[in-house]
């Protein structure tokens, strides 16, 4: 069985991004269904896979990261509305036996992602 993991790194400060709210959605026929919601730990990771076992299926998904709330909680003076508030990454799972890892590197003004290992 495959599984999905993520982690968030704050590239502006060179640290893991702790306490970032992460929501996973499954898309089906243009409709989004919430699969789960969690928060990153002190290492910027979720405590367990965010999708696994019988829930890990081929399809299109979105991960939504509440990056604006993370930066607001750090009391960084940023002009509202924030340039980046929620970072949404849409991706596909095509192999139900693989590990999919979706890391996110963030700053108040940019982000990047890739399929990690």
PDB file of N, CA and C in Angstrom:
ATOM      1  N   UNK A   1       0.826  -1.199   0.000  1.00  0.00           N
ATOM      2  CA  UNK A   1       0.000   0.000   0.000  1.00  0.00           C
ATOM      3  C   UNK A   1       0.865   1.255   0.000  1.00  0.00           C
ATOM      4  N   UNK A   2       0.456   2.231  -0.772  1.00  0.00           N
ATOM      5  CA  UNK A   2       1.165   3.498  -0.803  1.00  0.00           C
ATOM      6  C   UNK A   2       0.694   4.428   0.293  1.00  0.00           C
ATOM      7  N   UNK A   3       1.355   5.568   0.371  1.00  0.00           N
ATOM      8  CA  UNK A   3       0.967   6.572   1.359  1.00  0.00           C
ATOM      9  C   UNK A   3       1.475   7.939   0.946  1.00  0.00           C
ATOM     10  N   UNK A   4       0.888   8.975   1.552  1.00  0.00           N
ATOM     11  CA  UNK A   4       1.190  10.368   1.236  1.00  0.00           C
ATOM     12  C   UNK A   4       1.704  11.079   2.480  1.00  0.00           C
ATOM     13  N   UNK A   5       2.816  11.800   2.319  1.00  0.00           N
ATOM     14  CA  UNK A   5       3.369  12.604   3.400  1.00  0.00           C
ATOM     15  C   UNK A   5       3.692  13.999   2.870  1.00  0.00           C
ATOM     16  N   UNK A   6       3.920  14.924   3.803  1.00  0.00           N
ATOM     17  CA  UNK A   6       4.301  16.285   3.438  1.00  0.00           C
ATOM     18  C   UNK A   6       5.156  16.868   4.540  1.00  0.00           C
ATOM     19  N   UNK A   7       5.841  17.933   4.236  1.00  0.00           N
ATOM     20  CA  UNK A   7       6.455  18.765   5.264  1.00  0.00           C
ATOM     21  C   UNK A   7       6.609  20.172   4.719  1.00  0.00           C
ATOM     22  N   UNK A   8       6.757  21.119   5.645  1.00  0.00           N
ATOM     23  CA  UNK A   8       6.801  22.532   5.281  1.00  0.00           C
ATOM     24  C   UNK A   8       8.071  23.140   5.864  1.00  0.00           C
ATOM     25  N   UNK A   9       8.847  23.801   5.002  1.00  0.00           N
ATOM     26  CA  UNK A   9      10.062  24.484   5.431  1.00  0.00           C
ATOM     27  C   UNK A   9       9.924  25.977   5.178  1.00  0.00           C
ATOM     28  N   UNK A  10      10.275  26.770   6.174  1.00  0.00           N
ATOM     29  CA  UNK A  10      10.227  28.226   6.093  1.00  0.00           C
ATOM     30  C   UNK A  10      11.586  28.695   5.575  1.00  0.00           C
ATOM     31  N   UNK A  11      11.666  28.973   4.279  1.00  0.00           N
ATOM     32  CA  UNK A  11      12.953  29.357   3.691  1.00  0.00           C
ATOM     33  C   UNK A  11      13.350  30.777   4.061  1.00  0.00           C
ATOM     34  N   UNK A  12      12.400  31.601   4.489  1.00  0.00           N
ATOM     35  CA  UNK A  12      12.730  32.966   4.910  1.00  0.00           C
ATOM     36  C   UNK A  12      13.527  32.964   6.209  1.00  0.00           C
ATOM     37  N   UNK A  13      13.283  31.947   7.041  1.00  0.00           N
ATOM     38  CA  UNK A  13      13.963  31.887   8.338  1.00  0.00           C
ATOM     39  C   UNK A  13      14.903  30.693   8.461  1.00  0.00           C
ATOM     40  N   UNK A  14      14.897  29.816   7.473  1.00  0.00           N
ATOM     41  CA  UNK A  14      15.776  28.655   7.505  1.00  0.00           C
ATOM     42  C   UNK A  14      15.381  27.645   8.565  1.00  0.00           C
ATOM     43  N   UNK A  15      14.075  27.494   8.792  1.00  0.00           N
ATOM     44  CA  UNK A  15      13.592  26.587   9.837  1.00  0.00           C
ATOM     45  C   UNK A  15      12.413  25.767   9.318  1.00  0.00           C
ATOM     46  N   UNK A  16      12.115  24.663  10.016  1.00  0.00           N
ATOM     47  CA  UNK A  16      10.858  23.983   9.719  1.00  0.00           C
ATOM     48  C   UNK A  16       9.697  24.902  10.093  1.00  0.00           C
ATOM     49  N   UNK A  17       8.588  24.770   9.404  1.00  0.00           N
ATOM     50  CA  UNK A  17       7.401  25.582   9.690  1.00  0.00           C
ATOM     51  C   UNK A  17       6.466  24.782  10.586  1.00  0.00           C
ATOM     52  N   UNK A  18       6.502  25.080  11.872  1.00  0.00           N
ATOM     53  CA  UNK A  18       5.682  24.377  12.861  1.00  0.00           C
ATOM     54  C   UNK A  18       4.298  25.000  12.955  1.00  0.00           C
ATOM     55  N   UNK A  19       3.342  24.162  13.264  1.00  0.00           N
ATOM     56  CA  UNK A  19       1.955  24.585  13.509  1.00  0.00           C
ATOM     57  C   UNK A  19       1.270  25.174  12.279  1.00  0.00           C
ATOM     58  N   UNK A  20       1.614  24.651  11.104  1.00  0.00           N
ATOM     59  CA  UNK A  20       0.924  25.045   9.870  1.00  0.00           C
ATOM     60  C   UNK A  20      -0.265  24.104   9.685  1.00  0.00           C
ATOM     61  N   UNK A  21      -1.438  24.677   9.514  1.00  0.00           N
ATOM     62  CA  UNK A  21      -2.627  23.878   9.239  1.00  0.00           C
ATOM     63  C   UNK A  21      -2.558  23.357   7.804  1.00  0.00           C
ATOM     64  N   UNK A  22      -2.790  22.056   7.654  1.00  0.00           N
ATOM     65  CA  UNK A  22      -2.741  21.391   6.350  1.00  0.00           C
ATOM     66  C   UNK A  22      -4.062  20.657   6.142  1.00  0.00           C
ATOM     67  N   UNK A  23      -4.711  20.909   5.012  1.00  0.00           N
ATOM     68  CA  UNK A  23      -5.958  20.223   4.676  1.00  0.00           C
ATOM     69  C   UNK A  23      -5.761  19.484   3.365  1.00  0.00           C
ATOM     70  N   UNK A  24      -6.212  18.244   3.321  1.00  0.00           N
ATOM     71  CA  UNK A  24      -6.143  17.427   2.119  1.00  0.00           C
ATOM     72  C   UNK A  24      -7.550  17.259   1.563  1.00  0.00           C
ATOM     73  N   UNK A  25      -7.685  17.496   0.250  1.00  0.00           N
ATOM     74  CA  UNK A  25      -8.953  17.326  -0.461  1.00  0.00           C
ATOM     75  C   UNK A  25      -8.758  16.311  -1.581  1.00  0.00           C
ATOM     76  N   UNK A  26      -9.814  15.581  -1.903  1.00  0.00           N
ATOM     77  CA  UNK A  26      -9.853  14.745  -3.104  1.00  0.00           C
ATOM     78  C   UNK A  26     -10.794  15.428  -4.083  1.00  0.00           C
ATOM     79  N   UNK A  27     -10.390  15.520  -5.344  1.00  0.00           N
ATOM     80  CA  UNK A  27     -11.231  16.125  -6.377  1.00  0.00           C
ATOM     81  C   UNK A  27     -11.857  15.030  -7.217  1.00  0.00           C
ATOM     82  N   UNK A  28     -13.149  15.157  -7.439  1.00  0.00           N
ATOM     83  CA  UNK A  28     -13.868  14.186  -8.245  1.00  0.00           C
ATOM     84  C   UNK A  28     -14.957  14.929  -9.009  1.00  0.00           C
ATOM     85  N   UNK A  29     -14.863  14.918 -10.323  1.00  0.00           N
ATOM     86  CA  UNK A  29     -15.836  15.615 -11.179  1.00  0.00           C
ATOM     87  C   UNK A  29     -15.971  17.087 -10.798  1.00  0.00           C
ATOM     88  N   UNK A  30     -14.849  17.726 -10.481  1.00  0.00           N
ATOM     89  CA  UNK A  30     -14.838  19.144 -10.158  1.00  0.00           C
ATOM     90  C   UNK A  30     -15.256  19.471  -8.741  1.00  0.00           C
ATOM     91  N   UNK A  31     -15.621  18.474  -7.960  1.00  0.00           N
ATOM     92  CA  UNK A  31     -16.042  18.685  -6.577  1.00  0.00           C
ATOM     93  C   UNK A  31     -14.917  18.307  -5.620  1.00  0.00           C
ATOM     94  N   UNK A  32     -14.713  19.153  -4.596  1.00  0.00           N
ATOM     95  CA  UNK A  32     -13.686  18.874  -3.591  1.00  0.00           C
ATOM     96  C   UNK A  32     -14.332  18.249  -2.358  1.00  0.00           C
ATOM     97  N   UNK A  33     -13.709  17.170  -1.888  1.00  0.00           N
ATOM     98  CA  UNK A  33     -14.130  16.514  -0.657  1.00  0.00           C
ATOM     99  C   UNK A  33     -12.975  16.581   0.326  1.00  0.00           C
ATOM    100  N   UNK A  34     -13.243  17.069   1.516  1.00  0.00           N
ATOM    101  CA  UNK A  34     -12.203  17.127   2.539  1.00  0.00           C
ATOM    102  C   UNK A  34     -11.911  15.718   3.026  1.00  0.00           C
ATOM    103  N   UNK A  35     -10.628  15.348   2.984  1.00  0.00           N
ATOM    104  CA  UNK A  35     -10.197  14.029   3.444  1.00  0.00           C
ATOM    105  C   UNK A  35      -9.688  14.116   4.883  1.00  0.00           C
ATOM    106  N   UNK A  36      -8.903  15.127   5.162  1.00  0.00           N
ATOM    107  CA  UNK A  36      -8.377  15.285   6.519  1.00  0.00           C
ATOM    108  C   UNK A  36      -7.791  16.665   6.719  1.00  0.00           C
ATOM    109  N   UNK A  37      -7.607  17.008   8.002  1.00  0.00           N
ATOM    110  CA  UNK A  37      -6.957  18.256   8.395  1.00  0.00           C
ATOM    111  C   UNK A  37      -6.011  17.928   9.527  1.00  0.00           C
ATOM    112  N   UNK A  38      -4.816  18.488   9.459  1.00  0.00           N
ATOM    113  CA  UNK A  38      -3.816  18.254  10.501  1.00  0.00           C
ATOM    114  C   UNK A  38      -2.970  19.510  10.651  1.00  0.00           C
ATOM    115  N   UNK A  39      -2.006  19.448  11.545  1.00  0.00           N
ATOM    116  CA  UNK A  39      -1.099  20.566  11.804  1.00  0.00           C
ATOM    117  C   UNK A  39       0.314  20.007  11.849  1.00  0.00           C
ATOM    118  N   UNK A  40       1.263  20.751  11.268  1.00  0.00           N
ATOM    119  CA  UNK A  40       2.656  20.285  11.285  1.00  0.00           C
ATOM    120  C   UNK A  40       3.233  20.367  12.695  1.00  0.00           C
ATOM    121  N   UNK A  41       4.172  19.471  12.965  1.00  0.00           N
ATOM    122  CA  UNK A  41       4.847  19.449  14.268  1.00  0.00           C
ATOM    123  C   UNK A  41       6.048  20.395  14.259  1.00  0.00           C
ATOM    124  N   UNK A  42       6.867  20.330  15.302  1.00  0.00           N
ATOM    125  CA  UNK A  42       8.013  21.238  15.413  1.00  0.00           C
ATOM    126  C   UNK A  42       9.044  21.040  14.313  1.00  0.00           C
ATOM    127  N   UNK A  43       9.004  19.883  13.649  1.00  0.00           N
ATOM    128  CA  UNK A  43       9.917  19.610  12.540  1.00  0.00           C
ATOM    129  C   UNK A  43       9.278  19.958  11.189  1.00  0.00           C
ATOM    130  N   UNK A  44       8.094  20.577  11.214  1.00  0.00           N
ATOM    131  CA  UNK A  44       7.406  20.952   9.980  1.00  0.00           C
ATOM    132  C   UNK A  44       6.747  19.785   9.268  1.00  0.00           C
ATOM    133  N   UNK A  45       6.638  18.659   9.959  1.00  0.00           N
ATOM    134  CA  UNK A  45       6.055  17.449   9.365  1.00  0.00           C
ATOM    135  C   UNK A  45       4.760  17.083  10.077  1.00  0.00           C
ATOM    136  N   UNK A  46       3.980  16.253   9.430  1.00  0.00           N
ATOM    137  CA  UNK A  46       2.793  15.702  10.068  1.00  0.00           C
ATOM    138  C   UNK A  46       3.210  14.453  10.829  1.00  0.00           C
ATOM    139  N   UNK A  47       2.540  14.175  11.922  1.00  0.00           N
ATOM    140  CA  UNK A  47       2.924  13.056  12.789  1.00  0.00           C
ATOM    141  C   UNK A  47       2.775  11.693  12.126  1.00  0.00           C
ATOM    142  N   UNK A  48       1.901  11.598  11.140  1.00  0.00           N
ATOM    143  CA  UNK A  48       1.680  10.328  10.451  1.00  0.00           C
ATOM    144  C   UNK A  48       1.332  10.625   8.996  1.00  0.00           C
ATOM    145  N   UNK A  49       1.332   9.612   8.135  1.00  0.00           N
ATOM    146  CA  UNK A  49       0.939   9.860   6.747  1.00  0.00           C
ATOM    147  C   UNK A  49      -0.440  10.518   6.696  1.00  0.00           C
ATOM    148  N   UNK A  50      -0.623  11.421   5.747  1.00  0.00           N
ATOM    149  CA  UNK A  50      -1.906  12.115   5.656  1.00  0.00           C
ATOM    150  C   UNK A  50      -2.899  11.384   4.758  1.00  0.00           C
ATOM    151  N   UNK A  51      -2.425  10.348   4.104  1.00  0.00           N
ATOM    152  CA  UNK A  51      -3.299   9.482   3.321  1.00  0.00           C
ATOM    153  C   UNK A  51      -2.600   8.137   3.224  1.00  0.00           C
ATOM    154  N   UNK A  52      -3.308   7.063   3.585  1.00  0.00           N
ATOM    155  CA  UNK A  52      -2.690   5.740   3.539  1.00  0.00           C
ATOM    156  C   UNK A  52      -3.763   4.662   3.531  1.00  0.00           C
ATOM    157  N   UNK A  53      -3.306   3.435   3.486  1.00  0.00           N
ATOM    158  CA  UNK A  53      -4.145   2.248   3.551  1.00  0.00           C
ATOM    159  C   UNK A  53      -5.224   2.271   2.460  1.00  0.00           C
ATOM    160  N   UNK A  54      -6.443   1.948   2.813  1.00  0.00           N
ATOM    161  CA  UNK A  54      -7.504   1.836   1.807  1.00  0.00           C
ATOM    162  C   UNK A  54      -7.940   3.188   1.265  1.00  0.00           C
ATOM    163  N   UNK A  55      -7.593   4.288   1.948  1.00  0.00           N
ATOM    164  CA  UNK A  55      -7.932   5.630   1.456  1.00  0.00           C
ATOM    165  C   UNK A  55      -6.979   6.113   0.366  1.00  0.00           C
ATOM    166  N   UNK A  56      -5.832   5.464   0.236  1.00  0.00           N
ATOM    167  CA  UNK A  56      -4.817   5.877  -0.735  1.00  0.00           C
ATOM    168  C   UNK A  56      -5.192   5.313  -2.108  1.00  0.00           C
ATOM    169  N   UNK A  57      -5.797   6.163  -2.932  1.00  0.00           N
ATOM    170  CA  UNK A  57      -6.312   5.729  -4.234  1.00  0.00           C
ATOM    171  C   UNK A  57      -5.842   6.658  -5.334  1.00  0.00           C
ATOM    172  N   UNK A  58      -5.810   6.129  -6.550  1.00  0.00           N
ATOM    173  CA  UNK A  58      -5.526   6.968  -7.718  1.00  0.00           C
ATOM    174  C   UNK A  58      -6.513   8.117  -7.754  1.00  0.00           C
ATOM    175  N   UNK A  59      -6.017   9.261  -8.203  1.00  0.00           N
ATOM    176  CA  UNK A  59      -6.919  10.389  -8.327  1.00  0.00           C
ATOM    177  C   UNK A  59      -6.192  11.705  -8.250  1.00  0.00           C
ATOM    178  N   UNK A  60      -6.982  12.776  -8.239  1.00  0.00           N
ATOM    179  CA  UNK A  60      -6.464  14.135  -8.163  1.00  0.00           C
ATOM    180  C   UNK A  60      -6.774  14.669  -6.771  1.00  0.00           C
ATOM    181  N   UNK A  61      -5.768  15.296  -6.166  1.00  0.00           N
ATOM    182  CA  UNK A  61      -5.862  15.775  -4.793  1.00  0.00           C
ATOM    183  C   UNK A  61      -5.365  17.217  -4.714  1.00  0.00           C
ATOM    184  N   UNK A  62      -5.720  17.873  -3.632  1.00  0.00           N
ATOM    185  CA  UNK A  62      -5.166  19.182  -3.300  1.00  0.00           C
ATOM    186  C   UNK A  62      -4.723  19.180  -1.855  1.00  0.00           C
ATOM    187  N   UNK A  63      -3.557  19.741  -1.633  1.00  0.00           N
ATOM    188  CA  UNK A  63      -3.085  20.052  -0.291  1.00  0.00           C
ATOM    189  C   UNK A  63      -3.181  21.561  -0.125  1.00  0.00           C
ATOM    190  N   UNK A  64      -3.799  22.006   0.946  1.00  0.00           N
ATOM    191  CA  UNK A  64      -3.925  23.426   1.238  1.00  0.00           C
ATOM    192  C   UNK A  64      -3.163  23.715   2.531  1.00  0.00           C
ATOM    193  N   UNK A  65      -2.228  24.639   2.434  1.00  0.00           N
ATOM    194  CA  UNK A  65      -1.375  25.014   3.557  1.00  0.00           C
ATOM    195  C   UNK A  65      -1.724  26.434   3.994  1.00  0.00           C
ATOM    196  N   UNK A  66      -2.048  26.624   5.266  1.00  0.00           N
ATOM    197  CA  UNK A  66      -2.425  27.945   5.789  1.00  0.00           C
ATOM    198  C   UNK A  66      -1.159  28.731   6.137  1.00  0.00           C
ATOM    199  N   UNK A  67      -0.460  29.160   5.103  1.00  0.00           N
ATOM    200  CA  UNK A  67       0.818  29.845   5.263  1.00  0.00           C
ATOM    201  C   UNK A  67       0.636  31.245   5.845  1.00  0.00           C
ATOM    202  N   UNK A  68      -0.420  31.929   5.453  1.00  0.00           N
ATOM    203  CA  UNK A  68      -0.678  33.262   6.005  1.00  0.00           C
ATOM    204  C   UNK A  68      -0.857  33.224   7.509  1.00  0.00           C
ATOM    205  N   UNK A  69      -1.633  32.268   8.001  1.00  0.00           N
ATOM    206  CA  UNK A  69      -1.829  32.141   9.445  1.00  0.00           C
ATOM    207  C   UNK A  69      -0.505  31.842  10.145  1.00  0.00           C
ATOM    208  N   UNK A  70       0.335  31.034   9.507  1.00  0.00           N
ATOM    209  CA  UNK A  70       1.652  30.721  10.070  1.00  0.00           C
ATOM    210  C   UNK A  70       2.476  32.003  10.236  1.00  0.00           C
ATOM    211  N   UNK A  71       2.561  32.822   9.190  1.00  0.00           N
ATOM    212  CA  UNK A  71       3.354  34.053   9.285  1.00  0.00           C
ATOM    213  C   UNK A  71       2.714  35.073  10.218  1.00  0.00           C
ATOM    214  N   UNK A  72       1.387  35.137  10.253  1.00  0.00           N
ATOM    215  CA  UNK A  72       0.726  36.039  11.211  1.00  0.00           C
ATOM    216  C   UNK A  72       1.078  35.643  12.646  1.00  0.00           C
ATOM    217  N   UNK A  73       1.131  34.337  12.924  1.00  0.00           N
ATOM    218  CA  UNK A  73       1.430  33.872  14.282  1.00  0.00           C
ATOM    219  C   UNK A  73       2.857  34.205  14.710  1.00  0.00           C
ATOM    220  N   UNK A  74       3.723  34.449  13.753  1.00  0.00           N
ATOM    221  CA  UNK A  74       5.113  34.800  14.061  1.00  0.00           C
ATOM    222  C   UNK A  74       5.286  36.312  14.259  1.00  0.00           C
ATOM    223  N   UNK A  75       4.185  37.054  14.141  1.00  0.00           N
ATOM    224  CA  UNK A  75       4.198  38.517  14.323  1.00  0.00           C
ATOM    225  C   UNK A  75       5.191  39.220  13.406  1.00  0.00           C
ATOM    226  N   UNK A  76       5.289  38.722  12.188  1.00  0.00           N
ATOM    227  CA  UNK A  76       6.136  39.351  11.186  1.00  0.00           C
ATOM    228  C   UNK A  76       5.325  40.478  10.552  1.00  0.00           C
ATOM    229  N   UNK A  77       5.861  41.686  10.497  1.00  0.00           N
ATOM    230  CA  UNK A  77       5.082  42.783   9.907  1.00  0.00           C
ATOM    231  C   UNK A  77       4.946  42.610   8.393  1.00  0.00           C
ATOM    232  N   UNK A  78       3.758  42.202   7.992  1.00  0.00           N
ATOM    233  CA  UNK A  78       3.449  42.010   6.579  1.00  0.00           C
ATOM    234  C   UNK A  78       2.195  42.812   6.250  1.00  0.00           C
ATOM    235  N   UNK A  79       2.160  43.331   5.052  1.00  0.00           N
ATOM    236  CA  UNK A  79       1.030  44.138   4.623  1.00  0.00           C
ATOM    237  C   UNK A  79      -0.143  43.245   4.217  1.00  0.00           C
ATOM    238  N   UNK A  80      -1.323  43.577   4.745  1.00  0.00           N
ATOM    239  CA  UNK A  80      -2.543  42.839   4.398  1.00  0.00           C
ATOM    240  C   UNK A  80      -3.205  43.494   3.190  1.00  0.00           C
ATOM    241  N   UNK A  81      -3.818  42.770   2.305  1.00  0.00           N
ATOM    242  CA  UNK A  81      -3.845  41.324   2.301  1.00  0.00           C
ATOM    243  C   UNK A  81      -2.472  40.762   1.946  1.00  0.00           C
ATOM    244  N   UNK A  82      -2.187  39.622   2.527  1.00  0.00           N
ATOM    245  CA  UNK A  82      -0.894  38.987   2.280  1.00  0.00           C
ATOM    246  C   UNK A  82      -0.758  38.589   0.816  1.00  0.00           C
ATOM    247  N   UNK A  83       0.459  38.615   0.329  1.00  0.00           N
ATOM    248  CA  UNK A  83       0.716  38.149  -1.029  1.00  0.00           C
ATOM    249  C   UNK A  83       0.359  36.667  -1.140  1.00  0.00           C
ATOM    250  N   UNK A  84       0.803  35.857  -0.174  1.00  0.00           N
ATOM    251  CA  UNK A  84       0.432  34.443  -0.098  1.00  0.00           C
ATOM    252  C   UNK A  84      -0.307  34.217   1.212  1.00  0.00           C
ATOM    253  N   UNK A  85      -1.492  33.678   1.117  1.00  0.00           N
ATOM    254  CA  UNK A  85      -2.236  33.348   2.319  1.00  0.00           C
ATOM    255  C   UNK A  85      -2.377  31.827   2.396  1.00  0.00           C
ATOM    256  N   UNK A  86      -3.212  31.259   1.564  1.00  0.00           N
ATOM    257  CA  UNK A  86      -3.303  29.802   1.478  1.00  0.00           C
ATOM    258  C   UNK A  86      -2.548  29.336   0.241  1.00  0.00           C
ATOM    259  N   UNK A  87      -1.653  28.402   0.437  1.00  0.00           N
ATOM    260  CA  UNK A  87      -0.921  27.804  -0.679  1.00  0.00           C
ATOM    261  C   UNK A  87      -1.606  26.481  -1.002  1.00  0.00           C
ATOM    262  N   UNK A  88      -2.051  26.353  -2.252  1.00  0.00           N
ATOM    263  CA  UNK A  88      -2.779  25.166  -2.684  1.00  0.00           C
ATOM    264  C   UNK A  88      -1.984  24.468  -3.771  1.00  0.00           C
ATOM    265  N   UNK A  89      -1.748  23.182  -3.555  1.00  0.00           N
ATOM    266  CA  UNK A  89      -1.000  22.379  -4.515  1.00  0.00           C
ATOM    267  C   UNK A  89      -1.903  21.253  -4.992  1.00  0.00           C
ATOM    268  N   UNK A  90      -2.177  21.242  -6.285  1.00  0.00           N
ATOM    269  CA  UNK A  90      -2.982  20.178  -6.892  1.00  0.00           C
ATOM    270  C   UNK A  90      -2.031  19.186  -7.538  1.00  0.00           C
ATOM    271  N   UNK A  91      -2.247  17.911  -7.270  1.00  0.00           N
ATOM    272  CA  UNK A  91      -1.350  16.875  -7.782  1.00  0.00           C
ATOM    273  C   UNK A  91      -2.142  15.594  -8.001  1.00  0.00           C
ATOM    274  N   UNK A  92      -1.548  14.681  -8.739  1.00  0.00           N
ATOM    275  CA  UNK A  92      -2.198  13.409  -9.021  1.00  0.00           C
ATOM    276  C   UNK A  92      -1.444  12.241  -8.430  1.00  0.00           C
ATOM    277  N   UNK A  93      -2.191  11.247  -8.030  1.00  0.00           N
ATOM    278  CA  UNK A  93      -1.630   9.970  -7.577  1.00  0.00           C
ATOM    279  C   UNK A  93      -2.003   8.939  -8.627  1.00  0.00           C
ATOM    280  N   UNK A  94      -0.997   8.326  -9.220  1.00  0.00           N
ATOM    281  CA  UNK A  94      -1.249   7.344 -10.272  1.00  0.00           C
ATOM    282  C   UNK A  94      -0.818   5.929  -9.883  1.00  0.00           C
ATOM    283  N   UNK A  95      -0.016   5.803  -8.833  1.00  0.00           N
ATOM    284  CA  UNK A  95       0.490   4.493  -8.422  1.00  0.00           C
ATOM    285  C   UNK A  95       0.116   4.259  -6.962  1.00  0.00           C
ATOM    286  N   UNK A  96      -0.845   3.404  -6.725  1.00  0.00           N
ATOM    287  CA  UNK A  96      -1.349   3.157  -5.374  1.00  0.00           C
ATOM    288  C   UNK A  96      -0.379   2.395  -4.484  1.00  0.00           C
ATOM    289  N   UNK A  97       0.746   1.971  -5.022  1.00  0.00           N
ATOM    290  CA  UNK A  97       1.718   1.243  -4.204  1.00  0.00           C
ATOM    291  C   UNK A  97       2.938   2.099  -3.850  1.00  0.00           C
ATOM    292  N   UNK A  98       2.959   3.357  -4.251  1.00  0.00           N
ATOM    293  CA  UNK A  98       4.135   4.217  -4.045  1.00  0.00           C
ATOM    294  C   UNK A  98       3.960   5.160  -2.862  1.00  0.00           C
ATOM    295  N   UNK A  99       5.092   5.665  -2.408  1.00  0.00           N
ATOM    296  CA  UNK A  99       5.117   6.737  -1.415  1.00  0.00           C
ATOM    297  C   UNK A  99       5.163   8.054  -2.180  1.00  0.00           C
ATOM    298  N   UNK A 100       4.190   8.911  -1.950  1.00  0.00           N
ATOM    299  CA  UNK A 100       4.175  10.257  -2.518  1.00  0.00           C
ATOM    300  C   UNK A 100       4.500  11.222  -1.385  1.00  0.00           C
ATOM    301  N   UNK A 101       5.518  12.033  -1.598  1.00  0.00           N
ATOM    302  CA  UNK A 101       5.911  13.029  -0.603  1.00  0.00           C
ATOM    303  C   UNK A 101       5.860  14.389  -1.277  1.00  0.00           C
ATOM    304  N   UNK A 102       5.104  15.323  -0.684  1.00  0.00           N
ATOM    305  CA  UNK A 102       4.917  16.649  -1.261  1.00  0.00           C
ATOM    306  C   UNK A 102       5.454  17.684  -0.276  1.00  0.00           C
ATOM    307  N   UNK A 103       6.742  18.013  -0.372  1.00  0.00           N
ATOM    308  CA  UNK A 103       7.299  19.051   0.492  1.00  0.00           C
ATOM    309  C   UNK A 103       6.989  20.436  -0.068  1.00  0.00           C
ATOM    310  N   UNK A 104       6.888  21.414   0.830  1.00  0.00           N
ATOM    311  CA  UNK A 104       6.624  22.787   0.430  1.00  0.00           C
ATOM    312  C   UNK A 104       7.652  23.684   1.103  1.00  0.00           C
ATOM    313  N   UNK A 105       8.330  24.495   0.308  1.00  0.00           N
ATOM    314  CA  UNK A 105       9.278  25.487   0.807  1.00  0.00           C
ATOM    315  C   UNK A 105       8.607  26.840   0.651  1.00  0.00           C
ATOM    316  N   UNK A 106       8.471  27.580   1.761  1.00  0.00           N
ATOM    317  CA  UNK A 106       7.676  28.808   1.723  1.00  0.00           C
ATOM    318  C   UNK A 106       8.437  30.006   2.273  1.00  0.00           C
ATOM    319  N   UNK A 107       8.013  31.167   1.812  1.00  0.00           N
ATOM    320  CA  UNK A 107       8.380  32.454   2.376  1.00  0.00           C
ATOM    321  C   UNK A 107       7.116  33.308   2.248  1.00  0.00           C
ATOM    322  N   UNK A 108       7.090  34.507   2.776  1.00  0.00           N
ATOM    323  CA  UNK A 108       5.884  35.322   2.618  1.00  0.00           C
ATOM    324  C   UNK A 108       5.568  35.674   1.158  1.00  0.00           C
ATOM    325  N   UNK A 109       6.550  35.522   0.260  1.00  0.00           N
ATOM    326  CA  UNK A 109       6.353  35.984  -1.117  1.00  0.00           C
ATOM    327  C   UNK A 109       6.585  34.920  -2.183  1.00  0.00           C
ATOM    328  N   UNK A 110       6.747  33.674  -1.773  1.00  0.00           N
ATOM    329  CA  UNK A 110       6.944  32.630  -2.764  1.00  0.00           C
ATOM    330  C   UNK A 110       6.940  31.255  -2.147  1.00  0.00           C
ATOM    331  N   UNK A 111       6.766  30.250  -2.996  1.00  0.00           N
ATOM    332  CA  UNK A 111       6.825  28.861  -2.542  1.00  0.00           C
ATOM    333  C   UNK A 111       7.274  27.979  -3.692  1.00  0.00           C
ATOM    334  N   UNK A 112       7.750  26.812  -3.346  1.00  0.00           N
ATOM    335  CA  UNK A 112       8.055  25.790  -4.351  1.00  0.00           C
ATOM    336  C   UNK A 112       7.731  24.425  -3.776  1.00  0.00           C
ATOM    337  N   UNK A 113       7.544  23.488  -4.667  1.00  0.00           N
ATOM    338  CA  UNK A 113       7.232  22.124  -4.268  1.00  0.00           C
ATOM    339  C   UNK A 113       7.811  21.185  -5.302  1.00  0.00           C
ATOM    340  N   UNK A 114       7.818  19.920  -4.987  1.00  0.00           N
ATOM    341  CA  UNK A 114       8.296  18.881  -5.891  1.00  0.00           C
ATOM    342  C   UNK A 114       7.841  17.545  -5.341  1.00  0.00           C
ATOM    343  N   UNK A 115       7.963  16.494  -6.126  1.00  0.00           N
ATOM    344  CA  UNK A 115       7.668  15.175  -5.593  1.00  0.00           C
ATOM    345  C   UNK A 115       8.942  14.666  -4.938  1.00  0.00           C
ATOM    346  N   UNK A 116       8.891  14.592  -3.628  1.00  0.00           N
ATOM    347  CA  UNK A 116      10.057  14.157  -2.867  1.00  0.00           C
ATOM    348  C   UNK A 116      10.079  12.646  -2.690  1.00  0.00           C
ATOM    349  N   UNK A 117      10.944  12.222  -1.810  1.00  0.00           N
ATOM    350  CA  UNK A 117      11.065  10.780  -1.552  1.00  0.00           C
ATOM    351  C   UNK A 117      10.934  10.492  -0.079  1.00  0.00           C
TER     352      UNK A 117
END
